[in-house]
Amino acid sequence: MTDDERAEIATFGYERARDELVNVVKMLEQGGMDLDDSLALWERGEALATRCEQHLAGARQRVEDALAHRTAQE
């Protein structure tokens, strides 16, 4: 995976990264690709999964911050 591809994925919102990850998984499950293409697709899937995890971690932190703020006001 190139640096440009990683930089592109880093700009994806959660839904786009998730949708592309679903497509990657489907393509890998179908098989029929040579080893190099399969590995490249798997690497893209890993990058997409990481992007999704980043979004989810950010959302989790926002919820925790909001709950802490609410508790501090009580």
Protein backbone atom coordinates (compact mmCIF):
# COMPACT_ATOMS: atom_id res chain seq x y z
CA MET A 1 0.00 0.00 0.00
CA THR A 2 1.39 3.38 -0.97
CA ASP A 3 1.65 6.42 1.25
CA ASP A 4 -0.87 8.16 -1.00
CA GLU A 5 -3.39 5.37 -0.45
CA ARG A 6 -2.86 5.55 3.31
CA ALA A 7 -3.25 9.33 3.23
CA GLU A 8 -6.47 8.96 1.24
CA ILE A 9 -7.91 6.46 3.72
CA ALA A 10 -6.97 8.80 6.58
CA THR A 11 -9.47 11.32 5.17
CA PHE A 12 -12.39 8.86 5.10
CA GLY A 13 -15.34 9.28 7.39
CA TYR A 14 -16.54 6.28 9.34
CA GLU A 15 -19.30 5.28 6.94
CA ARG A 16 -17.08 5.41 3.86
CA ALA A 17 -14.32 3.40 5.53
CA ARG A 18 -16.84 0.85 6.79
CA ASP A 19 -18.53 0.49 3.40
CA GLU A 20 -15.22 0.03 1.60
CA LEU A 21 -14.12 -2.48 4.24
CA VAL A 22 -17.30 -4.49 3.63
CA ASN A 23 -16.49 -4.54 -0.09
CA VAL A 24 -12.90 -5.63 0.56
CA VAL A 25 -14.12 -8.51 2.72
CA LYS A 26 -16.59 -9.61 0.04
CA MET A 27 -13.89 -9.55 -2.63
CA LEU A 28 -11.50 -11.55 -0.46
CA GLU A 29 -14.21 -14.10 0.34
CA GLN A 30 -14.96 -14.57 -3.35
CA GLY A 31 -11.35 -15.48 -4.01
CA GLY A 32 -10.03 -15.98 -7.51
CA MET A 33 -7.28 -13.37 -7.18
CA ASP A 34 -3.59 -14.07 -7.36
CA LEU A 35 -1.55 -13.85 -4.18
CA ASP A 36 -0.17 -10.36 -4.77
CA ASP A 37 -3.62 -8.89 -5.45
CA SER A 38 -5.06 -10.65 -2.41
CA LEU A 39 -2.31 -9.31 -0.17
CA ALA A 40 -2.74 -5.78 -1.51
CA LEU A 41 -6.47 -5.97 -0.89
CA TRP A 42 -5.92 -7.38 2.60
CA GLU A 43 -3.54 -4.50 3.39
CA ARG A 44 -6.19 -2.03 2.25
CA GLY A 45 -8.71 -3.79 4.46
CA GLU A 46 -6.39 -3.49 7.44
CA ALA A 47 -5.98 0.24 6.82
CA LEU A 48 -9.74 0.67 6.49
CA ALA A 49 -10.35 -1.28 9.71
CA THR A 50 -7.83 0.90 11.52
CA ARG A 51 -9.62 4.02 10.26
CA CYS A 52 -12.95 2.68 11.53
CA GLU A 53 -11.37 1.96 14.91
CA GLN A 54 -10.03 5.51 15.07
CA HIS A 55 -13.49 6.92 14.50
CA LEU A 56 -15.04 4.62 17.09
CA ALA A 57 -12.36 5.48 19.66
CA GLY A 58 -13.02 9.17 19.06
CA ALA A 59 -16.74 8.70 19.50
CA ARG A 60 -16.19 6.69 22.67
CA GLN A 61 -13.98 9.44 24.07
CA ARG A 62 -16.57 12.11 23.29
CA VAL A 63 -19.24 10.12 25.15
CA GLU A 64 -16.94 9.61 28.14
CA ASP A 65 -16.08 13.33 28.18
CA ALA A 66 -19.75 14.30 28.03
CA LEU A 67 -20.60 11.93 30.88
CA ALA A 68 -17.70 13.22 32.98
CA HIS A 69 -18.77 16.79 32.33
CA ARG A 70 -22.35 16.01 33.34
CA THR A 71 -21.20 14.26 36.50
CA ALA A 72 -18.97 17.19 37.43
CA GLN A 73 -21.96 19.56 37.16
CA GLU A 74 -24.12 17.51 39.52
